[in-house]
Amino acid sequence: MEYNLADLFESVVDVVPDREALVHVDHPGTGAERRLTYAELDEAANRVAHHLLDSGLRPGEHLGLHLYNGVEYLQTVLGCLKARVVPVNVNYRYVEEELAYLYRDADLAALVFDAEFTPRVAAALPRAPRLRHLVRVGTPAADAPPLAAVDFTRAEAGAAPGRGFPARSGDDQFIIYTGGTTGMPKGVMWRQEDLFFAGLGGGAPTGEPVKTPEEVAERVAAGGDGITFFPTPPLMHGTSTLTAFIAFNFGQRIVIHSKFVPEEVLRTIEKERVTSVSLVGDAMLRPLIDALSGPLKDTDCSALFSVSSSGAIMSETVRAQFQALVPNVMLLNNFGSSESGFNGTATDDSGPARGFRIRVNSRTQVVDPVSHEPVPAGEVGRVAQRGHVPLGYYNDPRKTAETFFEKDGERWVLLGDMATVDADGVVTVLGRGSQCINTGGEKVYPEEVEQALKSHPDVYDALVAGVPDAQWGNHVAAVVQVREGAEQPSLDDLQAHCRTQLAGYKIPRQLVIAESIQRSPSGKADYRWARSVAVEAFR
C-alpha cells in the first residue's frame, strides 16, 4: 500500500466498518438527514467508481464536482480516488462565463452537478469540448433546459458495490481549484502523497506523522471513537474536504450541512455532540455569537473542544466574544493555503497591534522573493514552504514558474503572503502582497486595519482597500457594516479608535458604510468588491 487517499480510506474501513462515518443534515430545521457507517460509505463510493469506469472514464482524467454539501460530494470524491479519476472542485457560485473557463481550463471529462445548476451547466457545456459524461443529483425544474445527464441514484444503483480496482499510487493526483483574490481560478496539482503529509498532517495533525501507510489503520484500530468533526464551509473549498479526510484518517465522524445556517449549526453541535468545528473567520463565527447571545443562548456546547479558522482570521474582539459564551473551547487561527497545505497556528499574542503571529512548521520559511534566500530577522519577505508541495498549476506553466522553484534538491512553493520573522522563529504574516496598499511610500496590509476596525463596538464587519489618491498615490479606505441597533460611527470616531492600535499612516482616510460586507460562500474577503465600492464613493 502507498500513501494514496483511497487506499488509506479503505484500510480504515476494514478496521472500523460499523463505525458511523458521515452525517448529512440535508435541510437544516426539517430533521431530514442521512447517516452512513464506514462500510456503507465505502460501498457507496465503490458504486460511483465503477459507474465512472463503466462509462469510459480513464485513470488520470478529470471530473468536476459542481455540488452543494451532501453525501454525494464526499461519495464522489472517494469514488474518483478509487477509480484513479482526478477530482476537481467547482465553485457553485460561478456564473456561465466562469464555469465555461473552469470546465475548459481543467479539461473536465465528466461532471457531477446538482439539478439546481442545470441551466448554468447547459450554457457552459458547448465551450467545454472534452466534457462528455454528466451525472445529475436531484430532479431539475420543469423548465430546465434538456441535458443528456445520468441520474445519480440510477448510476449508483446500476454499478457494482464491491472494490476490485487496479493498484493505485501515491503519485495519483488531486486538484484543488482556488479563486484567490485576483484573476481567474487556478488548479493546484497535488500528488496524493504530498497532500497527505502537507494538508492532512501525515495522519496525525497534532502528533507524530505516520512512518508507513499501514500505520494509519493501526492507529485507528488502537484508538477510540468519540470525535466529531463539523466543517461548516462548503466542501467545494479545499479546506473543508481536507478536514473530512483528516477525520477519515482518524476513523472519526463527519457532520455536514447543505448550507451554513447559524442557528442550525448550533442545534447540530448540541445534538451530535460535535467536538471540532471548522469555519472561515469572523464572517462565520459572528453569526454563531449572535445566535448564542439570543435565541439559542441555552445551547449545550459542552462537547465542543475546538473551533478553527482557515482562509480568514477570527479577530481578537470576536474571539473574545465567543470565548465569553463558550469558555472551555480552544480557538485556533490556522495559516495555510491551497498551494501549501497547513503551515502553522497563530500564537496567543496575535492582535491588531502585533499582527498575525504564527509558529510555523519546520518546512516553512520567510524568503526573499527573488533570491529565495531566508530574510534576516525583521525584514519583509514572502512565506515559502519546502518538501511536500504541489506539482504546480494545471495548464499554467507561466504561473507555475513564478510560484514553484527548486532549491538544494527540494521543491518549494512561494506563497503570496508577505511576512517577517523574529529571532525566535515566530512569523508575523502581514497580508497578501497583491492587496498591499502603498500610501505615501508606506505599505499597509488590509488585515491588520480590519482587525482594528472590528474591535470597535459599533462595527459588525469591515474590509479595507486602497483608493487612488493624487497626493498619496493611494489612501486607505474602510468599507464598514454597522452592528444592528448601533449608531453609525463617523470617520473621526473610527480614526480615533484605530490610533490606539495602529501607526498613523495605516489609519483609514475614507469611510464607506455598506448594508453588508460581500464575501465568498466560505467567508473569504472580496477585495475587488470593496475596492470598487470605495472608489465609486470617492468620485
Protein backbone atom coordinates (compact mmCIF):
# COMPACT_ATOMS: atom_id res chain seq x y z
CA MET A 1 0.00 0.00 0.00
CA GLU A 2 1.16 3.54 -0.78
CA TYR A 3 0.20 6.96 0.59
CA ASN A 4 -2.87 7.00 -1.61
CA LEU A 5 -6.03 8.54 -0.12
CA ALA A 6 -8.34 5.78 -1.40
CA ASP A 7 -6.03 3.04 -0.10
CA LEU A 8 -5.83 4.75 3.28
CA PHE A 9 -9.60 5.17 3.48
CA GLU A 10 -10.19 1.52 2.64
CA SER A 11 -7.68 0.44 5.28
CA VAL A 12 -9.65 2.40 7.89
CA VAL A 13 -12.96 0.94 6.67
CA ASP A 14 -11.59 -2.55 7.17
CA VAL A 15 -10.87 -1.98 10.87
CA VAL A 16 -13.98 0.05 11.84
CA PRO A 17 -16.63 -0.91 9.23
CA ASP A 18 -19.61 -0.41 11.57
CA ARG A 19 -18.50 2.95 12.99
CA GLU A 20 -20.53 5.96 11.88
CA ALA A 21 -18.58 7.93 9.27
CA LEU A 22 -20.89 10.61 7.91
CA VAL A 23 -24.00 12.50 8.99
CA HIS A 24 -25.60 14.86 6.48
CA VAL A 25 -28.33 17.26 7.58
CA ASP A 26 -29.92 17.95 4.21
CA HIS A 27 -32.31 20.80 5.00
CA PRO A 28 -31.49 22.30 8.42
CA GLY A 29 -34.58 22.64 10.56
CA THR A 30 -36.57 19.89 8.81
CA GLY A 31 -34.90 16.94 10.50
CA ALA A 32 -34.02 15.36 7.14
CA GLU A 33 -30.72 13.55 7.48
CA ARG A 34 -28.64 10.65 6.21
CA ARG A 35 -26.24 8.54 8.27
CA LEU A 36 -23.63 6.20 6.81
CA THR A 37 -21.19 3.86 8.50
CA TYR A 38 -17.68 3.46 7.12
CA ALA A 39 -18.75 0.27 5.33
CA GLU A 40 -21.81 1.96 3.84
CA LEU A 41 -19.83 4.98 2.64
CA ASP A 42 -17.20 2.68 1.18
CA GLU A 43 -19.82 0.74 -0.78
CA ALA A 44 -21.47 3.96 -1.98
CA ALA A 45 -18.09 5.23 -3.21
CA ASN A 46 -17.37 1.90 -4.91
CA ARG A 47 -20.58 2.25 -6.89
CA VAL A 48 -19.59 5.72 -8.11
CA ALA A 49 -16.12 4.48 -9.04
CA HIS A 50 -17.47 1.53 -11.04
CA HIS A 51 -20.01 3.76 -12.79
CA LEU A 52 -17.24 6.11 -13.89
CA LEU A 53 -15.08 3.28 -15.20
CA ASP A 54 -18.06 1.57 -16.86
CA SER A 55 -18.87 4.91 -18.56
CA GLY A 56 -15.44 5.08 -20.17
CA LEU A 57 -13.60 7.39 -17.76
CA ARG A 58 -9.90 6.56 -17.67
CA PRO A 59 -7.36 6.90 -14.85
CA GLY A 60 -5.90 10.39 -14.87
CA GLU A 61 -8.95 12.06 -16.47
CA HIS A 62 -10.65 14.89 -14.59
CA LEU A 63 -14.12 15.02 -13.02
CA GLY A 64 -15.71 18.23 -11.74
CA LEU A 65 -17.83 18.37 -8.59
CA HIS A 66 -20.41 21.15 -9.07
CA LEU A 67 -22.34 20.38 -5.89
CA TYR A 68 -23.63 21.70 -2.61
CA ASN A 69 -22.55 19.89 0.55
CA GLY A 70 -24.03 16.41 0.71
CA VAL A 71 -23.28 12.72 0.90
CA GLU A 72 -22.90 12.75 -2.89
CA TYR A 73 -19.99 15.17 -2.67
CA LEU A 74 -17.75 13.05 -0.44
CA GLN A 75 -19.03 9.83 -2.04
CA THR A 76 -17.98 11.13 -5.46
CA VAL A 77 -14.57 12.36 -4.29
CA LEU A 78 -13.89 8.92 -2.80
CA GLY A 79 -15.24 7.24 -5.94
CA CYS A 80 -12.88 9.29 -8.09
CA LEU A 81 -9.91 8.38 -5.94
CA LYS A 82 -10.82 4.70 -6.02
CA ALA A 83 -11.07 4.77 -9.84
CA ARG A 84 -7.92 6.95 -10.15
CA VAL A 85 -10.02 9.70 -11.74
CA VAL A 86 -8.86 13.16 -10.60
CA PRO A 87 -11.49 15.13 -8.59
CA VAL A 88 -11.77 18.85 -9.33
CA ASN A 89 -13.81 21.21 -7.13
CA VAL A 90 -16.15 23.68 -8.85
CA ASN A 91 -17.36 26.85 -7.13
CA TYR A 92 -21.15 26.62 -7.24
CA ARG A 93 -21.48 30.41 -7.23
CA TYR A 94 -19.77 30.72 -10.60
CA VAL A 95 -21.87 32.00 -13.48
CA GLU A 96 -21.77 30.81 -17.08
CA GLU A 97 -18.55 32.56 -18.16
CA GLU A 98 -16.59 31.43 -15.10
CA LEU A 99 -17.90 27.88 -15.39
CA ALA A 100 -17.02 27.68 -19.09
CA TYR A 101 -13.49 28.83 -18.24
CA LEU A 102 -13.04 26.31 -15.41
CA TYR A 103 -14.58 23.37 -17.29
CA ARG A 104 -12.25 24.07 -20.20
CA ASP A 105 -9.14 25.00 -18.21
CA ALA A 106 -9.43 21.86 -16.05
CA ASP A 107 -10.02 19.64 -19.13
CA LEU A 108 -13.04 18.09 -17.44
CA ALA A 109 -14.10 14.77 -18.93
CA ALA A 110 -17.03 14.32 -16.53
CA LEU A 111 -19.17 16.43 -14.25
CA VAL A 112 -21.37 15.60 -11.26
CA PHE A 113 -23.72 18.50 -10.58
CA ASP A 114 -26.78 19.46 -8.55
CA ALA A 115 -30.00 19.71 -10.57
CA GLU A 116 -30.41 23.34 -9.50
CA PHE A 117 -27.40 24.24 -11.64
CA THR A 118 -28.77 22.66 -14.84
CA PRO A 119 -29.28 25.99 -16.70
CA ARG A 120 -25.74 27.15 -15.97
CA VAL A 121 -24.22 23.79 -16.88
CA ALA A 122 -26.18 23.72 -20.15
CA ALA A 123 -24.99 27.23 -21.03
CA ALA A 124 -21.31 26.49 -20.31
CA LEU A 125 -21.21 22.99 -21.83
CA PRO A 126 -20.75 23.98 -25.52
CA ARG A 127 -17.45 25.64 -24.62
CA ALA A 128 -16.05 22.56 -22.85
CA PRO A 129 -15.38 20.15 -25.72
CA ARG A 130 -13.74 17.43 -23.59
CA LEU A 131 -16.68 17.20 -21.16
CA ARG A 132 -18.52 14.09 -22.32
CA HIS A 133 -20.20 12.50 -19.26
CA LEU A 134 -22.74 14.20 -16.98
CA VAL A 135 -24.28 12.90 -13.76
CA ARG A 136 -27.08 14.93 -12.17
CA VAL A 137 -28.01 14.87 -8.47
CA GLY A 138 -31.71 15.51 -7.88
CA THR A 139 -34.56 16.46 -10.19
CA PRO A 140 -34.30 19.54 -12.42
CA ALA A 141 -37.04 22.15 -12.61
CA ALA A 142 -39.76 21.58 -15.20
CA ASP A 143 -38.48 24.47 -17.33
CA ALA A 144 -34.78 23.47 -17.13
CA PRO A 145 -33.03 23.00 -20.48
CA PRO A 146 -32.63 19.37 -21.58
CA LEU A 147 -29.27 17.74 -20.84
CA ALA A 148 -28.04 14.23 -21.61
CA ALA A 149 -27.24 13.54 -17.96
CA VAL A 150 -27.40 10.29 -15.99
CA ASP A 151 -29.44 10.40 -12.78
CA PHE A 152 -27.12 9.93 -9.81
CA THR A 153 -29.33 7.42 -7.98
CA ARG A 154 -29.69 5.32 -11.15
CA ALA A 155 -25.94 5.46 -11.79
CA GLU A 156 -25.34 4.34 -8.23
CA ALA A 157 -27.92 1.53 -8.33
CA GLY A 158 -26.60 0.17 -11.59
CA ALA A 159 -22.97 -0.15 -10.53
CA ALA A 160 -21.14 -2.85 -8.58
CA PRO A 161 -20.86 -2.38 -4.79
CA GLY A 162 -17.54 -4.17 -4.30
CA ARG A 163 -13.98 -2.96 -4.73
CA GLY A 164 -11.91 -4.86 -7.27
CA PHE A 165 -9.93 -1.85 -8.53
CA PRO A 166 -6.43 -1.86 -10.04
CA ALA A 167 -3.47 -0.88 -7.89
CA ARG A 168 -3.18 2.82 -7.07
CA SER A 169 -0.21 5.09 -6.41
CA GLY A 170 0.91 7.95 -4.19
CA ASP A 171 1.55 9.76 -7.47
CA ASP A 172 -2.19 9.81 -8.27
CA GLN A 173 -3.36 13.41 -8.41
CA PHE A 174 -5.85 15.57 -6.54
CA ILE A 175 -6.57 19.04 -7.99
CA ILE A 176 -7.84 21.96 -5.90
CA TYR A 177 -9.06 24.99 -7.85
CA THR A 178 -8.55 28.21 -5.95
CA GLY A 179 -10.09 31.54 -6.90
CA GLY A 180 -7.70 33.76 -4.98
CA THR A 181 -8.39 37.49 -4.91
CA THR A 182 -7.45 38.39 -8.48
CA GLY A 183 -7.71 36.75 -11.88
CA MET A 184 -9.37 33.53 -12.97
CA PRO A 185 -9.22 30.39 -10.81
CA LYS A 186 -6.10 28.21 -10.85
CA GLY A 187 -5.91 24.44 -10.39
CA VAL A 188 -3.32 23.38 -7.80
CA MET A 189 -1.98 19.92 -8.73
CA TRP A 190 -1.14 17.73 -5.74
CA ARG A 191 0.37 14.27 -5.65
CA GLN A 192 -1.74 12.44 -3.10
CA GLU A 193 1.28 11.50 -1.00
CA ASP A 194 2.31 15.16 -0.78
CA LEU A 195 -1.24 16.22 0.08
CA PHE A 196 -1.42 13.56 2.80
CA PHE A 197 1.62 14.99 4.58
CA ALA A 198 1.16 18.71 3.84
CA GLY A 199 -2.61 19.07 4.02
CA LEU A 200 -3.69 16.16 6.23
CA GLY A 201 -0.90 16.21 8.79
CA GLY A 202 0.56 12.87 7.76
CA GLY A 203 -2.23 11.01 9.51
CA ALA A 204 -1.66 12.82 12.81
CA PRO A 205 -2.09 16.61 12.55
CA THR A 206 -1.34 17.17 16.25
CA GLY A 207 1.26 14.45 16.74
CA GLU A 208 3.98 12.44 15.04
CA PRO A 209 3.23 11.71 11.35
CA VAL A 210 2.92 8.05 10.43
CA LYS A 211 6.01 6.30 9.10
CA THR A 212 4.15 3.79 6.90
CA PRO A 213 0.74 3.84 5.20
CA GLU A 214 -0.32 0.79 7.22
CA GLU A 215 0.14 2.77 10.44
CA VAL A 216 -2.98 4.88 9.70
CA ALA A 217 -5.31 1.90 10.17
CA GLU A 218 -3.22 0.57 13.05
CA ARG A 219 -3.72 3.82 14.95
CA VAL A 220 -7.46 3.77 14.25
CA ALA A 221 -7.73 0.16 15.48
CA ALA A 222 -5.83 1.03 18.66
CA GLY A 223 -7.66 4.32 19.34
CA GLY A 224 -11.17 5.10 20.48
CA ASP A 225 -14.22 6.68 18.95
CA GLY A 226 -15.86 9.91 20.10
CA ILE A 227 -14.54 12.76 17.93
CA THR A 228 -16.97 14.50 15.59
CA PHE A 229 -15.68 16.98 13.02
CA PHE A 230 -18.05 19.61 11.63
CA PRO A 231 -16.65 21.51 8.61
CA THR A 232 -19.21 24.30 8.17
CA PRO A 233 -17.92 25.96 4.95
CA PRO A 234 -18.77 24.48 1.53
CA LEU A 235 -16.92 21.30 0.60
CA MET A 236 -16.16 22.98 -2.74
CA HIS A 237 -13.40 24.83 -0.85
CA GLY A 238 -10.36 22.65 -0.31
CA THR A 239 -10.13 23.19 3.45
CA SER A 240 -13.48 21.55 4.19
CA THR A 241 -12.81 18.50 2.03
CA LEU A 242 -9.37 18.10 3.58
CA THR A 243 -10.94 18.36 7.05
CA ALA A 244 -13.21 15.45 6.09
CA PHE A 245 -10.21 13.36 5.06
CA ILE A 246 -8.39 14.17 8.30
CA ALA A 247 -11.42 12.76 10.12
CA PHE A 248 -11.45 9.67 7.89
CA ASN A 249 -7.77 9.06 8.62
CA PHE A 250 -8.65 9.09 12.34
CA GLY A 251 -11.63 6.80 11.79
CA GLN A 252 -13.86 9.52 13.21
CA ARG A 253 -17.19 11.04 12.26
CA ILE A 254 -18.01 13.93 9.92
CA VAL A 255 -21.14 16.08 10.18
CA ILE A 256 -22.09 18.34 7.27
CA HIS A 257 -24.95 20.70 6.45
CA SER A 258 -26.13 21.50 2.93
CA LYS A 259 -25.72 25.21 3.71
CA PHE A 260 -24.49 27.36 6.59
CA VAL A 261 -27.43 28.37 8.82
CA PRO A 262 -26.05 29.61 12.18
CA GLU A 263 -28.98 28.51 14.35
CA GLU A 264 -28.99 25.04 12.81
CA VAL A 265 -25.23 24.73 13.16
CA LEU A 266 -25.66 25.27 16.91
CA ARG A 267 -28.53 22.78 17.14
CA THR A 268 -26.35 20.20 15.39
CA ILE A 269 -23.41 20.92 17.69
CA GLU A 270 -25.70 20.11 20.63
CA LYS A 271 -27.50 17.11 19.11
CA GLU A 272 -24.45 15.38 17.61
CA ARG A 273 -22.07 16.27 20.47
CA VAL A 274 -19.71 17.92 17.99
CA THR A 275 -16.14 18.22 19.26
CA SER A 276 -14.42 20.16 16.47
CA VAL A 277 -15.84 22.91 14.23
CA SER A 278 -14.01 24.48 11.31
CA LEU A 279 -15.11 27.75 9.72
CA VAL A 280 -13.79 30.83 7.93
CA GLY A 281 -13.12 33.86 10.12
CA ASP A 282 -15.47 36.40 11.67
CA ALA A 283 -17.98 36.09 8.82
CA MET A 284 -18.97 32.66 10.17
CA LEU A 285 -18.09 32.99 13.85
CA ARG A 286 -20.00 36.24 14.43
CA PRO A 287 -23.43 34.86 13.38
CA LEU A 288 -22.87 31.96 15.80
CA ILE A 289 -22.21 34.50 18.55
CA ASP A 290 -25.39 36.40 17.67
CA ALA A 291 -27.43 33.20 17.88
CA LEU A 292 -25.77 32.09 21.13
CA SER A 293 -26.41 35.52 22.63
CA GLY A 294 -30.07 35.48 21.59
CA PRO A 295 -32.49 32.75 20.54
CA LEU A 296 -30.11 29.83 21.21
CA LYS A 297 -28.44 31.07 24.39
CA ASP A 298 -29.15 27.77 26.18
CA THR A 299 -27.47 25.59 23.53
CA ASP A 300 -25.35 22.84 25.08
CA CYS A 301 -21.84 23.25 23.62
CA SER A 302 -20.14 21.25 26.37
CA ALA A 303 -18.75 18.64 23.96
CA LEU A 304 -17.13 21.31 21.78
CA PHE A 305 -13.37 21.25 22.17
CA SER A 306 -12.05 23.41 19.33
CA VAL A 307 -13.13 25.97 16.72
CA SER A 308 -10.58 26.54 13.97
CA SER A 309 -10.47 29.03 11.12
CA SER A 310 -8.62 28.85 7.81
CA GLY A 311 -8.76 31.29 4.92
CA ALA A 312 -9.63 34.31 7.10
CA ILE A 313 -8.74 35.44 10.60
CA MET A 314 -11.01 35.29 13.60
CA SER A 315 -10.31 38.76 15.01
CA GLU A 316 -9.26 39.26 18.61
CA THR A 317 -12.54 41.01 19.50
CA VAL A 318 -14.80 38.36 18.01
CA ARG A 319 -12.74 35.56 19.55
CA ALA A 320 -13.18 37.16 22.98
CA GLN A 321 -16.95 37.41 22.47
CA PHE A 322 -17.22 33.72 21.60
CA GLN A 323 -14.89 32.72 24.44
CA ALA A 324 -17.15 34.52 26.92
CA LEU A 325 -20.09 32.40 25.72
CA VAL A 326 -18.22 29.09 25.40
CA PRO A 327 -15.29 29.47 27.80
CA ASN A 328 -13.82 25.95 27.53
CA VAL A 329 -13.38 25.95 23.75
CA MET A 330 -9.98 26.35 22.10
CA LEU A 331 -9.99 28.92 19.26
CA LEU A 332 -7.37 28.36 16.56
CA ASN A 333 -6.43 30.67 13.70
CA ASN A 334 -4.71 28.32 11.27
CA PHE A 335 -2.48 29.51 8.46
CA GLY A 336 -2.24 27.67 5.18
CA SER A 337 -3.33 27.69 1.56
CA SER A 338 -4.36 25.52 -1.37
CA GLU A 339 -0.72 25.70 -2.51
CA SER A 340 0.92 24.76 0.79
CA GLY A 341 -1.49 22.85 2.99
CA PHE A 342 -1.02 23.62 6.68
CA ASN A 343 1.77 25.99 7.76
CA GLY A 344 1.06 26.79 11.41
CA THR A 345 -1.29 28.21 14.03
CA ALA A 346 -1.45 31.76 15.40
CA THR A 347 0.12 32.48 18.76
CA ASP A 348 -1.95 33.78 21.67
CA ASP A 349 -0.34 37.22 21.41
CA SER A 350 -1.63 37.87 17.87
CA GLY A 351 -3.73 41.01 17.53
CA PRO A 352 -4.16 44.28 15.63
CA ALA A 353 -1.20 45.98 17.32
CA ARG A 354 1.09 42.96 16.94
CA GLY A 355 -0.04 41.32 13.71
CA PHE A 356 -0.95 37.75 12.86
CA ARG A 357 1.89 35.87 14.54
CA ILE A 358 2.33 32.16 13.89
CA ARG A 359 4.70 29.44 14.98
CA VAL A 360 5.34 27.74 11.66
CA ASN A 361 6.28 24.15 10.98
CA SER A 362 9.84 23.20 10.11
CA ARG A 363 9.11 23.27 6.37
CA THR A 364 8.13 26.96 6.30
CA GLN A 365 10.45 29.97 5.91
CA VAL A 366 10.25 33.67 5.06
CA VAL A 367 12.41 34.24 1.97
CA ASP A 368 13.46 36.92 -0.47
CA PRO A 369 11.09 36.53 -3.45
CA VAL A 370 13.96 36.86 -5.96
CA SER A 371 16.95 35.05 -4.42
CA HIS A 372 14.79 32.64 -2.40
CA GLU A 373 17.22 33.01 0.50
CA PRO A 374 15.88 33.41 4.07
CA VAL A 375 15.45 37.08 5.03
CA PRO A 376 17.15 38.46 8.16
CA ALA A 377 15.01 38.88 11.28
CA GLY A 378 12.69 41.88 10.95
CA GLU A 379 12.90 42.21 7.17
CA VAL A 380 9.88 41.67 4.92
CA GLY A 381 9.82 38.65 2.65
CA ARG A 382 7.38 36.08 1.33
CA VAL A 383 6.26 32.92 3.03
CA ALA A 384 7.64 29.80 1.35
CA GLN A 385 7.33 26.09 2.05
CA ARG A 386 9.52 23.17 1.05
CA GLY A 387 9.20 19.41 0.78
CA HIS A 388 5.67 18.13 0.26
CA VAL A 389 4.39 20.83 -2.09
CA PRO A 390 2.22 20.70 -5.26
CA LEU A 391 3.50 19.91 -8.73
CA GLY A 392 2.29 23.30 -9.97
CA TYR A 393 -0.77 24.90 -11.52
CA TYR A 394 -2.67 22.87 -14.09
CA ASN A 395 -2.43 24.29 -17.61
CA ASP A 396 -0.43 27.33 -16.42
CA PRO A 397 3.35 26.91 -16.90
CA ARG A 398 4.00 30.65 -16.52
CA LYS A 399 2.32 30.92 -13.13
CA THR A 400 3.92 27.63 -12.09
CA ALA A 401 7.38 29.00 -12.87
CA GLU A 402 6.63 32.15 -10.84
CA THR A 403 5.37 30.27 -7.80
CA PHE A 404 7.30 26.97 -7.58
CA PHE A 405 11.06 26.51 -7.53
CA GLU A 406 13.77 24.02 -6.60
CA LYS A 407 16.50 24.70 -4.07
CA ASP A 408 19.04 22.34 -2.53
CA GLY A 409 17.34 19.38 -4.17
CA GLU A 410 13.89 20.15 -2.72
CA ARG A 411 10.71 21.55 -4.24
CA TRP A 412 9.48 24.85 -2.80
CA VAL A 413 6.32 26.93 -3.20
CA LEU A 414 6.39 30.72 -2.86
CA LEU A 415 3.13 31.96 -1.36
CA GLY A 416 1.54 35.37 -1.89
CA ASP A 417 1.70 36.26 1.81
CA MET A 418 4.21 38.88 2.94
CA ALA A 419 5.76 38.34 6.37
CA THR A 420 8.62 38.98 8.76
CA VAL A 421 10.32 36.55 11.11
CA ASP A 422 11.81 37.34 14.54
CA ALA A 423 14.90 35.93 16.27
CA ASP A 424 12.79 33.17 17.88
CA GLY A 425 11.45 31.99 14.53
CA VAL A 426 7.93 33.38 15.05
CA VAL A 427 6.49 34.60 11.73
CA THR A 428 4.28 37.70 11.54
CA VAL A 429 2.06 37.48 8.47
CA LEU A 430 1.41 40.97 7.10
CA GLY A 431 -1.05 40.07 4.37
CA ARG A 432 -1.30 39.22 0.69
CA GLY A 433 1.16 41.20 -1.36
CA SER A 434 -1.50 41.69 -4.04
CA GLN A 435 -3.70 43.55 -1.52
CA CYS A 436 -0.93 45.71 -0.03
CA ILE A 437 -1.75 49.45 -0.12
CA ASN A 438 1.12 51.82 -0.90
CA THR A 439 0.25 55.19 0.62
CA GLY A 440 2.91 57.89 0.55
CA GLY A 441 5.60 55.22 0.21
CA GLU A 442 4.41 53.29 3.29
CA LYS A 443 2.95 49.81 2.98
CA VAL A 444 -0.35 48.98 4.64
CA TYR A 445 -1.76 45.45 4.78
CA PRO A 446 -5.58 45.42 4.98
CA GLU A 447 -5.89 42.60 7.51
CA GLU A 448 -4.36 44.49 10.43
CA VAL A 449 -6.52 47.57 9.78
CA GLU A 450 -9.61 45.36 9.55
CA GLN A 451 -8.83 43.80 12.93
CA ALA A 452 -8.56 47.25 14.50
CA LEU A 453 -11.83 48.39 12.93
CA LYS A 454 -13.69 45.28 14.07
CA SER A 455 -12.63 45.88 17.66
CA HIS A 456 -14.86 48.99 17.64
CA PRO A 457 -18.14 48.15 19.43
CA ASP A 458 -20.35 49.55 16.62
CA VAL A 459 -18.58 47.73 13.75
CA TYR A 460 -20.00 44.37 12.72
CA ASP A 461 -17.70 43.69 9.76
CA ALA A 462 -15.15 45.58 7.69
CA LEU A 463 -12.92 45.34 4.63
CA VAL A 464 -10.08 47.71 3.76
CA ALA A 465 -8.87 48.65 0.28
CA GLY A 466 -6.62 51.20 -1.42
CA VAL A 467 -8.16 54.04 -3.44
CA PRO A 468 -6.10 56.12 -5.92
CA ASP A 469 -5.16 59.46 -4.39
CA ALA A 470 -3.49 62.40 -6.14
CA GLN A 471 -1.40 63.31 -3.08
CA TRP A 472 -0.51 59.95 -1.54
CA GLY A 473 -0.70 57.59 -4.53
CA ASN A 474 -3.36 55.63 -2.64
CA HIS A 475 -5.24 56.19 0.58
CA VAL A 476 -6.66 53.64 2.99
CA ALA A 477 -10.44 53.26 2.68
CA ALA A 478 -12.65 51.34 5.11
CA VAL A 479 -15.89 49.69 3.98
CA VAL A 480 -17.86 49.04 7.17
CA GLN A 481 -21.04 47.19 8.11
CA VAL A 482 -22.55 48.66 11.28
CA ARG A 483 -23.76 46.37 14.04
CA GLU A 484 -27.56 46.08 14.15
CA GLY A 485 -29.05 48.57 16.62
CA ALA A 486 -25.80 50.53 16.93
CA GLU A 487 -25.25 54.17 15.99
CA GLN A 488 -23.41 54.75 12.75
CA PRO A 489 -19.82 55.71 13.63
CA SER A 490 -18.21 58.67 11.93
CA LEU A 491 -14.83 58.61 10.21
CA ASP A 492 -13.45 60.66 13.12
CA ASP A 493 -14.75 58.04 15.59
CA LEU A 494 -13.09 55.18 13.77
CA GLN A 495 -9.86 57.09 13.22
CA ALA A 496 -9.59 57.87 16.95
CA HIS A 497 -10.27 54.23 17.78
CA CYS A 498 -7.70 52.89 15.30
CA ARG A 499 -4.99 55.30 16.50
CA THR A 500 -4.86 53.38 19.78
CA GLN A 501 -3.71 50.28 17.85
CA LEU A 502 -2.10 51.37 14.57
CA ALA A 503 0.56 53.73 13.23
CA GLY A 504 -0.79 56.97 11.77
CA TYR A 505 -0.19 56.08 8.11
CA LYS A 506 -2.41 52.97 8.49
CA ILE A 507 -5.45 54.94 9.68
CA PRO A 508 -8.38 54.94 7.19
CA ARG A 509 -8.81 58.27 5.37
CA GLN A 510 -12.19 57.33 3.92
CA LEU A 511 -15.26 55.59 5.33
CA VAL A 512 -18.00 53.87 3.32
CA ILE A 513 -20.99 52.42 5.17
CA ALA A 514 -22.40 49.30 3.47
CA GLU A 515 -25.55 47.37 4.26
CA SER A 516 -23.49 44.19 4.31
CA ILE A 517 -19.94 43.13 3.51
CA GLN A 518 -19.61 40.97 0.42
CA ARG A 519 -17.68 37.75 0.93
CA SER A 520 -17.41 34.37 -0.76
CA PRO A 521 -19.64 31.49 0.45
CA SER A 522 -16.77 30.36 2.68
CA GLY A 523 -16.35 33.79 4.30
CA LYS A 524 -13.24 34.93 2.42
CA ALA A 525 -12.89 38.65 1.74
CA ASP A 526 -13.94 40.01 -1.64
CA TYR A 527 -11.39 42.78 -2.02
CA ARG A 528 -12.30 43.55 -5.61
CA TRP A 529 -15.81 44.41 -4.44
CA ALA A 530 -14.52 46.51 -1.53
CA ARG A 531 -12.18 48.46 -3.80
CA SER A 532 -14.88 49.17 -6.36
CA VAL A 533 -17.30 50.37 -3.64
CA ALA A 534 -14.67 52.65 -2.13
CA VAL A 535 -13.53 54.05 -5.50
CA GLU A 536 -17.13 54.77 -6.53
CA ALA A 537 -17.82 56.57 -3.23
CA PHE A 538 -14.66 58.70 -3.61
CA ARG A 539 -15.68 60.10 -7.00
